Amino acid sequence: MSDAVTEVVTPADRTASAPLLRSLRSAPVFSDRVFRTVCIAAGGATVAIMLAVGVFLTLRGGQALSVAGFSFLWTQAWSPETGDFGIAAVLFGTITIALVALTFSFPLALGTALLISEVLPDGIKRAMTTIVDLMAAVPSVVFGLWGVQFLQENVIPVSRWISTYFGWIPVFAVTDAEGDRLTDASAFTSSAFIAGMVVALMVLPTQTSIMREAFSQAPIGEREGALALGSTRWGMIRTVVLPFGKGGIIGGTMLGLGRALGETIAVYMIISPIFTINTEVLRTGSNSVSALIALRYGEASEFGLSALMAAGLVLFLITLAVNFTASSIVARSRSGAEST
């Protein structure tokens, strides 16, 4: 029997015989470096501008905040010259108008987005998309004029009917200081209800665009699979499109809320400014932070300007938080969603 010959391979030999790994990294060309620099500069400038706005409002509003303290958040009156001022009433009005706007805009945006993405043929779909997007280009003052001159007089009978048959719900009641029910037309003008309806049309294009984009990304295979299994069109939308676009629905609604919170001119033209909390959305009188700034900016003293800047700072932080949350939801929804 012959002895077995064993070949000993040392680590040095193994390293020498192993193939060299080729690097896949390449040196960026000049155009890539320019593009990267421009993108970094644009993103950095955007963040810097947002920070600069926040710092500016903080510095300018610091004087008023140091005098008012935390009572600035729960004081209803607005009299900076006497030291009695706060944003409780105007912040409540801002949120009320925004919620009324979402009540009207959400079903309209959802239905319009589904109509465009799921029902209309391609030719009409493109035209409808363009028309809805063009609504975002209409100036706010035009919506305000339309609301004052046309919508208000046609909504008053509706407001009166709601108050008559649903006045047992406190938010729909229209009463005077003694609690007696009001029926005069003058009691229903310039209300948060009318202002919210106008703002709803202004936030509608934003919400519709985001929802439509989310619905259009629903997997075509799952759509066809649902239809092949005998599902109706509505069944396919309910089981595939809506679950997949859930993030877009939530994100679009919150982005619309951010726009509604900061609307100025249209609200300023419609509402009758008051500085008390009005829980009756159909009754005359409301206010908002942005309308307050537009109303008092020209006549404000130095300390009054500081108080307005403080109010603007609160609105800036609220709107920033809402928009940041909405953007995060929309960004996560683009990677896909469960549609089971």
C-alpha atoms as a PDB file:
ATOM      1  CA  MET A   1       0.000   0.000   0.000  1.00  0.00           C
ATOM      2  CA  SER A   2       1.452   3.315  -0.966  1.00  0.00           C
ATOM      3  CA  ASP A   3       1.509   6.172   1.511  1.00  0.00           C
ATOM      4  CA  ALA A   4      -0.990   9.028   0.904  1.00  0.00           C
ATOM      5  CA  VAL A   5       0.518  12.315  -0.064  1.00  0.00           C
ATOM      6  CA  THR A   6      -0.997  15.301   1.740  1.00  0.00           C
ATOM      7  CA  GLU A   7      -0.622  18.773   0.277  1.00  0.00           C
ATOM      8  CA  VAL A   8      -0.267  21.461   2.878  1.00  0.00           C
ATOM      9  CA  VAL A   9      -1.702  24.846   1.874  1.00  0.00           C
ATOM     10  CA  THR A  10      -0.473  27.721   3.989  1.00  0.00           C
ATOM     11  CA  PRO A  11      -2.508  30.924   4.570  1.00  0.00           C
ATOM     12  CA  ALA A  12      -0.017  32.804   2.444  1.00  0.00           C
ATOM     13  CA  ASP A  13      -0.609  30.450  -0.497  1.00  0.00           C
ATOM     14  CA  ARG A  14      -4.409  30.697  -0.052  1.00  0.00           C
ATOM     15  CA  THR A  15      -4.246  34.501  -0.127  1.00  0.00           C
ATOM     16  CA  ALA A  16      -2.022  34.499  -3.167  1.00  0.00           C
ATOM     17  CA  SER A  17      -4.273  32.152  -5.126  1.00  0.00           C
ATOM     18  CA  ALA A  18      -7.577  33.873  -4.230  1.00  0.00           C
ATOM     19  CA  PRO A  19      -9.042  36.090  -6.972  1.00  0.00           C
ATOM     20  CA  LEU A  20      -8.819  39.830  -6.452  1.00  0.00           C
ATOM     21  CA  LEU A  21     -12.145  41.562  -5.727  1.00  0.00           C
ATOM     22  CA  ARG A  22     -12.850  44.385  -8.143  1.00  0.00           C
ATOM     23  CA  SER A  23     -14.192  47.546  -6.590  1.00  0.00           C
ATOM     24  CA  LEU A  24     -17.501  48.744  -8.051  1.00  0.00           C
ATOM     25  CA  ARG A  25     -17.033  52.292  -6.837  1.00  0.00           C
ATOM     26  CA  SER A  26     -16.282  54.842  -9.505  1.00  0.00           C
ATOM     27  CA  ALA A  27     -15.063  58.370  -9.223  1.00  0.00           C
ATOM     28  CA  PRO A  28     -18.002  60.791  -9.707  1.00  0.00           C
ATOM     29  CA  VAL A  29     -17.839  62.879 -12.829  1.00  0.00           C
ATOM     30  CA  PHE A  30     -18.141  66.666 -12.729  1.00  0.00           C
ATOM     31  CA  SER A  31     -21.865  66.706 -13.499  1.00  0.00           C
ATOM     32  CA  ASP A  32     -22.572  64.274 -10.629  1.00  0.00           C
ATOM     33  CA  ARG A  33     -20.631  66.450  -8.219  1.00  0.00           C
ATOM     34  CA  VAL A  34     -22.530  69.524  -9.344  1.00  0.00           C
ATOM     35  CA  PHE A  35     -25.869  67.758  -8.990  1.00  0.00           C
ATOM     36  CA  ARG A  36     -25.003  66.483  -5.517  1.00  0.00           C
ATOM     37  CA  THR A  37     -23.841  69.922  -4.411  1.00  0.00           C
ATOM     38  CA  VAL A  38     -26.980  71.625  -5.722  1.00  0.00           C
ATOM     39  CA  CYS A  39     -29.255  69.095  -4.005  1.00  0.00           C
ATOM     40  CA  ILE A  40     -27.425  69.419  -0.685  1.00  0.00           C
ATOM     41  CA  ALA A  41     -27.518  73.206  -0.968  1.00  0.00           C
ATOM     42  CA  ALA A  42     -31.247  73.227  -1.761  1.00  0.00           C
ATOM     43  CA  GLY A  43     -32.098  70.920   1.133  1.00  0.00           C
ATOM     44  CA  GLY A  44     -29.875  72.832   3.510  1.00  0.00           C
ATOM     45  CA  ALA A  45     -31.358  76.163   2.422  1.00  0.00           C
ATOM     46  CA  THR A  46     -34.894  74.874   3.024  1.00  0.00           C
ATOM     47  CA  VAL A  47     -34.053  73.719   6.536  1.00  0.00           C
ATOM     48  CA  ALA A  48     -32.159  76.938   7.227  1.00  0.00           C
ATOM     49  CA  ILE A  49     -35.112  79.076   6.127  1.00  0.00           C
ATOM     50  CA  MET A  50     -37.498  77.137   8.373  1.00  0.00           C
ATOM     51  CA  LEU A  51     -35.145  77.504  11.314  1.00  0.00           C
ATOM     52  CA  ALA A  52     -34.689  81.199  10.550  1.00  0.00           C
ATOM     53  CA  VAL A  53     -38.471  81.742  10.555  1.00  0.00           C
ATOM     54  CA  GLY A  54     -38.778  79.947  13.892  1.00  0.00           C
ATOM     55  CA  VAL A  55     -35.887  81.902  15.435  1.00  0.00           C
ATOM     56  CA  PHE A  56     -37.266  85.196  14.101  1.00  0.00           C
ATOM     57  CA  LEU A  57     -40.737  84.578  15.552  1.00  0.00           C
ATOM     58  CA  THR A  58     -39.221  83.459  18.862  1.00  0.00           C
ATOM     59  CA  LEU A  59     -37.044  86.546  19.181  1.00  0.00           C
ATOM     60  CA  ARG A  60     -39.764  88.990  18.136  1.00  0.00           C
ATOM     61  CA  GLY A  61     -42.418  87.322  20.280  1.00  0.00           C
ATOM     62  CA  GLY A  62     -40.188  86.826  23.296  1.00  0.00           C
ATOM     63  CA  GLN A  63     -41.125  90.159  24.870  1.00  0.00           C
ATOM     64  CA  ALA A  64     -44.851  89.399  24.837  1.00  0.00           C
ATOM     65  CA  LEU A  65     -44.339  85.821  26.005  1.00  0.00           C
ATOM     66  CA  SER A  66     -42.202  86.992  28.929  1.00  0.00           C
ATOM     67  CA  VAL A  67     -45.028  89.287  30.068  1.00  0.00           C
ATOM     68  CA  ALA A  68     -47.960  86.918  29.482  1.00  0.00           C
ATOM     69  CA  GLY A  69     -46.270  83.658  30.436  1.00  0.00           C
ATOM     70  CA  PHE A  70     -48.264  80.461  30.071  1.00  0.00           C
ATOM     71  CA  SER A  71     -51.508  82.411  30.432  1.00  0.00           C
ATOM     72  CA  PHE A  72     -50.952  83.377  26.802  1.00  0.00           C
ATOM     73  CA  LEU A  73     -52.361  79.969  25.852  1.00  0.00           C
ATOM     74  CA  TRP A  74     -55.632  80.157  27.849  1.00  0.00           C
ATOM     75  CA  THR A  75     -56.490  83.872  27.929  1.00  0.00           C
ATOM     76  CA  GLN A  76     -59.338  84.782  25.565  1.00  0.00           C
ATOM     77  CA  ALA A  77     -59.079  88.578  25.465  1.00  0.00           C
ATOM     78  CA  TRP A  78     -56.718  90.392  23.124  1.00  0.00           C
ATOM     79  CA  SER A  79     -55.541  93.690  24.624  1.00  0.00           C
ATOM     80  CA  PRO A  80     -51.730  93.774  24.633  1.00  0.00           C
ATOM     81  CA  GLU A  81     -51.692  97.433  25.691  1.00  0.00           C
ATOM     82  CA  THR A  82     -53.349  96.544  29.026  1.00  0.00           C
ATOM     83  CA  GLY A  83     -51.425  93.314  29.474  1.00  0.00           C
ATOM     84  CA  ASP A  84     -54.552  91.151  29.106  1.00  0.00           C
ATOM     85  CA  PHE A  85     -54.039  89.096  25.971  1.00  0.00           C
ATOM     86  CA  GLY A  86     -53.893  85.496  24.822  1.00  0.00           C
ATOM     87  CA  ILE A  87     -54.786  83.190  21.948  1.00  0.00           C
ATOM     88  CA  ALA A  88     -57.311  80.838  23.545  1.00  0.00           C
ATOM     89  CA  ALA A  89     -60.257  82.270  21.597  1.00  0.00           C
ATOM     90  CA  VAL A  90     -58.465  82.682  18.263  1.00  0.00           C
ATOM     91  CA  LEU A  91     -56.784  79.292  18.525  1.00  0.00           C
ATOM     92  CA  PHE A  92     -60.145  77.670  19.254  1.00  0.00           C
ATOM     93  CA  GLY A  93     -61.618  79.432  16.214  1.00  0.00           C
ATOM     94  CA  THR A  94     -58.671  78.345  14.064  1.00  0.00           C
ATOM     95  CA  ILE A  95     -59.154  74.705  14.989  1.00  0.00           C
ATOM     96  CA  THR A  96     -62.948  74.941  14.595  1.00  0.00           C
ATOM     97  CA  ILE A  97     -62.719  76.367  11.070  1.00  0.00           C
ATOM     98  CA  ALA A  98     -60.120  73.762  10.109  1.00  0.00           C
ATOM     99  CA  LEU A  99     -62.259  70.885  11.409  1.00  0.00           C
ATOM    100  CA  VAL A 100     -65.332  72.178   9.588  1.00  0.00           C
ATOM    101  CA  ALA A 101     -63.224  72.415   6.428  1.00  0.00           C
ATOM    102  CA  LEU A 102     -62.044  68.808   6.799  1.00  0.00           C
ATOM    103  CA  THR A 103     -65.622  67.639   7.394  1.00  0.00           C
ATOM    104  CA  PHE A 104     -66.548  68.892   3.925  1.00  0.00           C
ATOM    105  CA  SER A 105     -63.269  68.351   2.058  1.00  0.00           C
ATOM    106  CA  PHE A 106     -62.462  64.793   3.164  1.00  0.00           C
ATOM    107  CA  PRO A 107     -65.420  62.990   1.522  1.00  0.00           C
ATOM    108  CA  LEU A 108     -65.145  65.207  -1.566  1.00  0.00           C
ATOM    109  CA  ALA A 109     -61.406  64.558  -1.901  1.00  0.00           C
ATOM    110  CA  LEU A 110     -61.767  60.812  -1.310  1.00  0.00           C
ATOM    111  CA  GLY A 111     -64.581  60.475  -3.832  1.00  0.00           C
ATOM    112  CA  THR A 112     -62.832  62.623  -6.436  1.00  0.00           C
ATOM    113  CA  ALA A 113     -59.559  60.704  -6.044  1.00  0.00           C
ATOM    114  CA  LEU A 114     -61.346  57.373  -6.485  1.00  0.00           C
ATOM    115  CA  LEU A 115     -63.286  58.726  -9.466  1.00  0.00           C
ATOM    116  CA  ILE A 116     -60.116  59.834 -11.220  1.00  0.00           C
ATOM    117  CA  SER A 117     -57.979  56.791 -10.440  1.00  0.00           C
ATOM    118  CA  GLU A 118     -60.555  54.001 -10.735  1.00  0.00           C
ATOM    119  CA  VAL A 119     -63.555  55.031 -12.826  1.00  0.00           C
ATOM    120  CA  LEU A 120     -62.822  57.598 -15.524  1.00  0.00           C
ATOM    121  CA  PRO A 121     -61.231  56.600 -18.863  1.00  0.00           C
ATOM    122  CA  ASP A 122     -57.714  57.845 -19.564  1.00  0.00           C
ATOM    123  CA  GLY A 123     -58.670  60.870 -21.671  1.00  0.00           C
ATOM    124  CA  ILE A 124     -61.200  62.252 -19.212  1.00  0.00           C
ATOM    125  CA  LYS A 125     -58.932  61.268 -16.325  1.00  0.00           C
ATOM    126  CA  ARG A 126     -56.142  63.567 -17.528  1.00  0.00           C
ATOM    127  CA  ALA A 127     -58.553  66.460 -18.030  1.00  0.00           C
ATOM    128  CA  MET A 128     -60.112  65.963 -14.599  1.00  0.00           C
ATOM    129  CA  THR A 129     -56.704  65.790 -12.956  1.00  0.00           C
ATOM    130  CA  THR A 130     -55.710  69.076 -14.585  1.00  0.00           C
ATOM    131  CA  ILE A 131     -58.937  70.780 -13.501  1.00  0.00           C
ATOM    132  CA  VAL A 132     -58.556  69.686  -9.876  1.00  0.00           C
ATOM    133  CA  ASP A 133     -54.899  70.727  -9.786  1.00  0.00           C
ATOM    134  CA  LEU A 134     -55.783  74.133 -11.225  1.00  0.00           C
ATOM    135  CA  MET A 135     -58.041  74.778  -8.247  1.00  0.00           C
ATOM    136  CA  ALA A 136     -54.897  75.130  -6.143  1.00  0.00           C
ATOM    137  CA  ALA A 137     -53.823  78.079  -8.305  1.00  0.00           C
ATOM    138  CA  VAL A 138     -56.959  80.129  -7.604  1.00  0.00           C
ATOM    139  CA  PRO A 139     -56.027  83.048  -5.286  1.00  0.00           C
ATOM    140  CA  SER A 140     -57.429  83.012  -1.773  1.00  0.00           C
ATOM    141  CA  VAL A 141     -59.062  86.390  -2.242  1.00  0.00           C
ATOM    142  CA  VAL A 142     -61.191  84.961  -5.058  1.00  0.00           C
ATOM    143  CA  PHE A 143     -62.486  82.223  -2.768  1.00  0.00           C
ATOM    144  CA  GLY A 144     -63.134  84.858  -0.115  1.00  0.00           C
ATOM    145  CA  LEU A 145     -65.139  87.056  -2.475  1.00  0.00           C
ATOM    146  CA  TRP A 146     -67.135  84.076  -3.671  1.00  0.00           C
ATOM    147  CA  GLY A 147     -67.847  83.063  -0.092  1.00  0.00           C
ATOM    148  CA  VAL A 148     -69.011  86.538   0.959  1.00  0.00           C
ATOM    149  CA  GLN A 149     -71.001  87.469  -2.131  1.00  0.00           C
ATOM    150  CA  PHE A 150     -72.540  84.132  -3.125  1.00  0.00           C
ATOM    151  CA  LEU A 151     -72.085  81.271  -0.694  1.00  0.00           C
ATOM    152  CA  GLN A 152     -73.090  83.043   2.506  1.00  0.00           C
ATOM    153  CA  GLU A 153     -76.610  84.045   1.472  1.00  0.00           C
ATOM    154  CA  ASN A 154     -77.278  80.542   0.119  1.00  0.00           C
ATOM    155  CA  VAL A 155     -75.930  78.766   3.189  1.00  0.00           C
ATOM    156  CA  ILE A 156     -77.929  80.787   5.746  1.00  0.00           C
ATOM    157  CA  PRO A 157     -81.151  78.793   5.089  1.00  0.00           C
ATOM    158  CA  VAL A 158     -79.179  75.565   5.475  1.00  0.00           C
ATOM    159  CA  SER A 159     -77.646  76.777   8.734  1.00  0.00           C
ATOM    160  CA  ARG A 160     -81.075  77.766  10.024  1.00  0.00           C
ATOM    161  CA  TRP A 161     -82.515  74.347   9.108  1.00  0.00           C
ATOM    162  CA  ILE A 162     -79.647  72.547  10.882  1.00  0.00           C
ATOM    163  CA  SER A 163     -80.143  74.711  13.959  1.00  0.00           C
ATOM    164  CA  THR A 164     -83.893  74.092  13.954  1.00  0.00           C
ATOM    165  CA  TYR A 165     -83.797  70.300  13.715  1.00  0.00           C
ATOM    166  CA  PHE A 166     -80.427  69.550  15.309  1.00  0.00           C
ATOM    167  CA  GLY A 167     -80.195  72.392  17.793  1.00  0.00           C
ATOM    168  CA  TRP A 168     -80.434  69.860  20.617  1.00  0.00           C
ATOM    169  CA  ILE A 169     -76.779  69.133  19.809  1.00  0.00           C
ATOM    170  CA  PRO A 170     -74.853  71.956  21.538  1.00  0.00           C
ATOM    171  CA  VAL A 171     -72.493  72.580  18.613  1.00  0.00           C
ATOM    172  CA  PHE A 172     -75.443  73.200  16.252  1.00  0.00           C
ATOM    173  CA  ALA A 173     -77.423  75.415  18.612  1.00  0.00           C
ATOM    174  CA  VAL A 174     -77.676  79.163  17.920  1.00  0.00           C
ATOM    175  CA  THR A 175     -78.561  81.030  21.103  1.00  0.00           C
ATOM    176  CA  ASP A 176     -78.115  84.449  22.705  1.00  0.00           C
ATOM    177  CA  ALA A 177     -76.484  85.262  26.020  1.00  0.00           C
ATOM    178  CA  GLU A 178     -79.598  84.136  27.931  1.00  0.00           C
ATOM    179  CA  GLY A 179     -79.751  80.824  26.089  1.00  0.00           C
ATOM    180  CA  ASP A 180     -82.769  81.654  23.938  1.00  0.00           C
ATOM    181  CA  ARG A 181     -82.771  80.233  20.419  1.00  0.00           C
ATOM    182  CA  LEU A 182     -82.109  82.709  17.592  1.00  0.00           C
ATOM    183  CA  THR A 183     -83.742  82.461  14.179  1.00  0.00           C
ATOM    184  CA  ASP A 184     -82.849  85.783  12.525  1.00  0.00           C
ATOM    185  CA  ALA A 185     -80.680  85.542   9.411  1.00  0.00           C
ATOM    186  CA  SER A 186     -78.167  87.949  10.954  1.00  0.00           C
ATOM    187  CA  ALA A 187     -77.396  85.349  13.629  1.00  0.00           C
ATOM    188  CA  PHE A 188     -76.066  82.919  11.012  1.00  0.00           C
ATOM    189  CA  THR A 189     -73.790  85.188   8.961  1.00  0.00           C
ATOM    190  CA  SER A 190     -69.976  85.310   9.144  1.00  0.00           C
ATOM    191  CA  SER A 191     -69.797  82.044  11.045  1.00  0.00           C
ATOM    192  CA  ALA A 192     -67.113  79.408  11.376  1.00  0.00           C
ATOM    193  CA  PHE A 193     -69.422  77.105   9.399  1.00  0.00           C
ATOM    194  CA  ILE A 194     -69.366  79.344   6.317  1.00  0.00           C
ATOM    195  CA  ALA A 195     -65.637  80.044   6.612  1.00  0.00           C
ATOM    196  CA  GLY A 196     -64.956  76.324   6.921  1.00  0.00           C
ATOM    197  CA  MET A 197     -66.908  75.564   3.755  1.00  0.00           C
ATOM    198  CA  VAL A 198     -64.804  78.069   1.801  1.00  0.00           C
ATOM    199  CA  VAL A 199     -61.543  76.738   3.250  1.00  0.00           C
ATOM    200  CA  ALA A 200     -62.675  73.209   2.334  1.00  0.00           C
ATOM    201  CA  LEU A 201     -62.586  74.113  -1.358  1.00  0.00           C
ATOM    202  CA  MET A 202     -59.094  75.547  -0.912  1.00  0.00           C
ATOM    203  CA  VAL A 203     -57.619  72.402   0.667  1.00  0.00           C
ATOM    204  CA  LEU A 204     -59.512  70.030  -1.635  1.00  0.00           C
ATOM    205  CA  PRO A 205     -56.874  69.968  -4.454  1.00  0.00           C
ATOM    206  CA  THR A 206     -54.050  69.084  -2.041  1.00  0.00           C
ATOM    207  CA  GLN A 207     -55.966  66.235  -0.465  1.00  0.00           C
ATOM    208  CA  THR A 208     -57.230  64.916  -3.793  1.00  0.00           C
ATOM    209  CA  SER A 209     -53.776  64.942  -5.385  1.00  0.00           C
ATOM    210  CA  ILE A 210     -52.137  62.963  -2.586  1.00  0.00           C
ATOM    211  CA  MET A 211     -54.961  60.420  -2.326  1.00  0.00           C
ATOM    212  CA  ARG A 212     -55.076  59.943  -6.096  1.00  0.00           C
ATOM    213  CA  GLU A 213     -51.327  59.346  -6.212  1.00  0.00           C
ATOM    214  CA  ALA A 214     -51.564  56.752  -3.432  1.00  0.00           C
ATOM    215  CA  PHE A 215     -54.481  54.939  -5.090  1.00  0.00           C
ATOM    216  CA  SER A 216     -52.710  54.814  -8.454  1.00  0.00           C
ATOM    217  CA  GLN A 217     -49.799  52.898  -6.880  1.00  0.00           C
ATOM    218  CA  ALA A 218     -51.975  49.948  -5.851  1.00  0.00           C
ATOM    219  CA  PRO A 219     -50.457  46.789  -7.446  1.00  0.00           C
ATOM    220  CA  ILE A 220     -52.069  45.952 -10.763  1.00  0.00           C
ATOM    221  CA  GLY A 221     -51.682  42.238 -10.042  1.00  0.00           C
ATOM    222  CA  GLU A 222     -53.780  42.440  -6.901  1.00  0.00           C
ATOM    223  CA  ARG A 223     -56.387  44.509  -8.719  1.00  0.00           C
ATOM    224  CA  GLU A 224     -56.696  41.948 -11.520  1.00  0.00           C
ATOM    225  CA  GLY A 225     -56.580  39.077  -9.051  1.00  0.00           C
ATOM    226  CA  ALA A 226     -59.536  40.462  -7.104  1.00  0.00           C
ATOM    227  CA  LEU A 227     -61.530  40.963 -10.294  1.00  0.00           C
ATOM    228  CA  ALA A 228     -60.601  37.483 -11.566  1.00  0.00           C
ATOM    229  CA  LEU A 229     -61.947  35.940  -8.357  1.00  0.00           C
ATOM    230  CA  GLY A 230     -65.334  37.487  -9.049  1.00  0.00           C
ATOM    231  CA  SER A 231     -65.069  40.698  -7.093  1.00  0.00           C
ATOM    232  CA  THR A 232     -67.033  43.728  -8.227  1.00  0.00           C
ATOM    233  CA  ARG A 233     -65.278  47.006  -8.925  1.00  0.00           C
ATOM    234  CA  TRP A 234     -66.324  48.361  -5.541  1.00  0.00           C
ATOM    235  CA  GLY A 235     -65.199  45.109  -3.898  1.00  0.00           C
ATOM    236  CA  MET A 236     -61.790  45.460  -5.542  1.00  0.00           C
ATOM    237  CA  ILE A 237     -61.538  49.090  -4.392  1.00  0.00           C
ATOM    238  CA  ARG A 238     -62.597  48.181  -0.859  1.00  0.00           C
ATOM    239  CA  THR A 239     -60.206  45.225  -0.474  1.00  0.00           C
ATOM    240  CA  VAL A 240     -57.200  46.389  -2.519  1.00  0.00           C
ATOM    241  CA  VAL A 241     -57.110  50.111  -3.332  1.00  0.00           C
ATOM    242  CA  LEU A 242     -58.342  51.599  -0.061  1.00  0.00           C
ATOM    243  CA  PRO A 243     -56.112  49.476   2.231  1.00  0.00           C
ATOM    244  CA  PHE A 244     -53.095  50.151   0.018  1.00  0.00           C
ATOM    245  CA  GLY A 245     -53.804  53.903  -0.048  1.00  0.00           C
ATOM    246  CA  LYS A 246     -54.555  54.211   3.676  1.00  0.00           C
ATOM    247  CA  GLY A 247     -51.341  56.121   4.299  1.00  0.00           C
ATOM    248  CA  GLY A 248     -52.115  58.519   1.453  1.00  0.00           C
ATOM    249  CA  ILE A 249     -55.613  59.116   2.821  1.00  0.00           C
ATOM    250  CA  ILE A 250     -54.307  59.957   6.283  1.00  0.00           C
ATOM    251  CA  GLY A 251     -51.374  61.986   4.996  1.00  0.00           C
ATOM    252  CA  GLY A 252     -53.468  63.956   2.509  1.00  0.00           C
ATOM    253  CA  THR A 253     -56.049  64.737   5.173  1.00  0.00           C
ATOM    254  CA  MET A 254     -53.419  65.998   7.589  1.00  0.00           C
ATOM    255  CA  LEU A 255     -51.696  68.094   4.929  1.00  0.00           C
ATOM    256  CA  GLY A 256     -55.076  69.627   4.183  1.00  0.00           C
ATOM    257  CA  LEU A 257     -55.452  70.306   7.900  1.00  0.00           C
ATOM    258  CA  GLY A 258     -52.125  72.120   7.909  1.00  0.00           C
ATOM    259  CA  ARG A 259     -53.268  74.303   5.009  1.00  0.00           C
ATOM    260  CA  ALA A 260     -56.618  74.988   6.668  1.00  0.00           C
ATOM    261  CA  LEU A 261     -54.981  76.051   9.936  1.00  0.00           C
ATOM    262  CA  GLY A 262     -52.970  78.764   8.211  1.00  0.00           C
ATOM    263  CA  GLU A 263     -55.552  80.149   5.772  1.00  0.00           C
ATOM    264  CA  THR A 264     -55.770  83.928   6.120  1.00  0.00           C
ATOM    265  CA  ILE A 265     -57.431  86.123   3.511  1.00  0.00           C
ATOM    266  CA  ALA A 266     -60.542  84.071   2.809  1.00  0.00           C
ATOM    267  CA  VAL A 267     -61.218  83.616   6.537  1.00  0.00           C
ATOM    268  CA  TYR A 268     -60.502  87.285   7.226  1.00  0.00           C
ATOM    269  CA  MET A 269     -63.047  88.354   4.596  1.00  0.00           C
ATOM    270  CA  ILE A 270     -65.833  86.079   5.882  1.00  0.00           C
ATOM    271  CA  ILE A 271     -65.721  85.934   9.668  1.00  0.00           C
ATOM    272  CA  SER A 272     -66.886  88.534  12.169  1.00  0.00           C
ATOM    273  CA  PRO A 273     -63.910  88.724  14.591  1.00  0.00           C
ATOM    274  CA  ILE A 274     -64.625  88.063  18.267  1.00  0.00           C
ATOM    275  CA  PHE A 275     -62.324  87.327  21.194  1.00  0.00           C
ATOM    276  CA  THR A 276     -64.442  84.871  23.121  1.00  0.00           C
ATOM    277  CA  ILE A 277     -64.702  81.122  22.605  1.00  0.00           C
ATOM    278  CA  ASN A 278     -67.747  80.421  20.444  1.00  0.00           C
ATOM    279  CA  THR A 279     -68.707  76.748  20.604  1.00  0.00           C
ATOM    280  CA  GLU A 280     -71.696  77.250  18.263  1.00  0.00           C
ATOM    281  CA  VAL A 281     -70.269  76.861  14.776  1.00  0.00           C
ATOM    282  CA  LEU A 282     -73.423  78.146  13.048  1.00  0.00           C
ATOM    283  CA  ARG A 283     -73.615  81.408  15.003  1.00  0.00           C
ATOM    284  CA  THR A 284     -72.116  84.701  13.873  1.00  0.00           C
ATOM    285  CA  GLY A 285     -68.635  85.348  15.179  1.00  0.00           C
ATOM    286  CA  SER A 286     -65.361  83.498  15.068  1.00  0.00           C
ATOM    287  CA  ASN A 287     -61.663  84.197  14.686  1.00  0.00           C
ATOM    288  CA  SER A 288     -58.368  82.624  13.710  1.00  0.00           C
ATOM    289  CA  VAL A 289     -54.721  83.283  14.433  1.00  0.00           C
ATOM    290  CA  SER A 290     -53.888  84.205  10.849  1.00  0.00           C
ATOM    291  CA  ALA A 291     -56.927  86.497  10.574  1.00  0.00           C
ATOM    292  CA  LEU A 292     -55.948  88.149  13.865  1.00  0.00           C
ATOM    293  CA  ILE A 293     -52.487  88.942  12.516  1.00  0.00           C
ATOM    294  CA  ALA A 294     -53.919  90.350   9.288  1.00  0.00           C
ATOM    295  CA  LEU A 295     -56.484  92.410  11.226  1.00  0.00           C
ATOM    296  CA  ARG A 296     -54.207  93.945  13.870  1.00  0.00           C
ATOM    297  CA  TYR A 297     -50.810  94.120  12.180  1.00  0.00           C
ATOM    298  CA  GLY A 298     -51.197  97.584  10.622  1.00  0.00           C
ATOM    299  CA  GLU A 299     -52.344  99.320  13.808  1.00  0.00           C
ATOM    300  CA  ALA A 300     -50.322  97.424  16.404  1.00  0.00           C
ATOM    301  CA  SER A 301     -47.795  99.077  18.711  1.00  0.00           C
ATOM    302  CA  GLU A 302     -44.315  97.702  19.252  1.00  0.00           C
ATOM    303  CA  PHE A 303     -45.512  95.475  22.080  1.00  0.00           C
ATOM    304  CA  GLY A 304     -48.623  94.582  20.091  1.00  0.00           C
ATOM    305  CA  LEU A 305     -46.418  93.408  17.227  1.00  0.00           C
ATOM    306  CA  SER A 306     -44.520  91.225  19.689  1.00  0.00           C
ATOM    307  CA  ALA A 307     -47.818  89.688  20.802  1.00  0.00           C
ATOM    308  CA  LEU A 308     -48.793  89.030  17.178  1.00  0.00           C
ATOM    309  CA  MET A 309     -45.407  87.414  16.561  1.00  0.00           C
ATOM    310  CA  ALA A 310     -45.988  85.173  19.581  1.00  0.00           C
ATOM    311  CA  ALA A 311     -49.367  84.146  18.161  1.00  0.00           C
ATOM    312  CA  GLY A 312     -47.691  83.456  14.830  1.00  0.00           C
ATOM    313  CA  LEU A 313     -45.068  81.331  16.580  1.00  0.00           C
ATOM    314  CA  VAL A 314     -47.747  79.090  18.115  1.00  0.00           C
ATOM    315  CA  LEU A 315     -49.470  78.684  14.745  1.00  0.00           C
ATOM    316  CA  PHE A 316     -46.100  78.005  13.081  1.00  0.00           C
ATOM    317  CA  LEU A 317     -45.280  75.219  15.534  1.00  0.00           C
ATOM    318  CA  ILE A 318     -48.731  73.618  15.245  1.00  0.00           C
ATOM    319  CA  THR A 319     -48.693  73.728  11.440  1.00  0.00           C
ATOM    320  CA  LEU A 320     -45.122  72.427  11.319  1.00  0.00           C
ATOM    321  CA  ALA A 321     -46.006  69.489  13.557  1.00  0.00           C
ATOM    322  CA  VAL A 322     -49.095  68.619  11.492  1.00  0.00           C
ATOM    323  CA  ASN A 323     -47.267  68.837   8.161  1.00  0.00           C
ATOM    324  CA  PHE A 324     -44.254  66.880   9.420  1.00  0.00           C
ATOM    325  CA  THR A 325     -46.505  64.094  10.668  1.00  0.00           C
ATOM    326  CA  ALA A 326     -48.424  64.039   7.396  1.00  0.00           C
ATOM    327  CA  SER A 327     -45.238  63.954   5.301  1.00  0.00           C
ATOM    328  CA  SER A 328     -43.912  61.044   7.352  1.00  0.00           C
ATOM    329  CA  ILE A 329     -47.130  59.076   6.820  1.00  0.00           C
ATOM    330  CA  VAL A 330     -47.150  59.767   3.076  1.00  0.00           C
ATOM    331  CA  ALA A 331     -43.473  58.814   2.733  1.00  0.00           C
ATOM    332  CA  ARG A 332     -44.025  55.483   4.496  1.00  0.00           C
ATOM    333  CA  SER A 333     -47.081  54.694   2.384  1.00  0.00           C
ATOM    334  CA  ARG A 334     -45.119  54.996  -0.878  1.00  0.00           C
ATOM    335  CA  SER A 335     -43.084  51.896  -0.135  1.00  0.00           C
ATOM    336  CA  GLY A 336     -46.208  49.739  -0.245  1.00  0.00           C
ATOM    337  CA  ALA A 337     -49.021  48.741   2.036  1.00  0.00           C
ATOM    338  CA  GLU A 338     -50.887  45.666   3.076  1.00  0.00           C
ATOM    339  CA  SER A 339     -53.978  45.076   1.021  1.00  0.00           C
ATOM    340  CA  THR A 340     -55.278  41.924   2.659  1.00  0.00           C
END
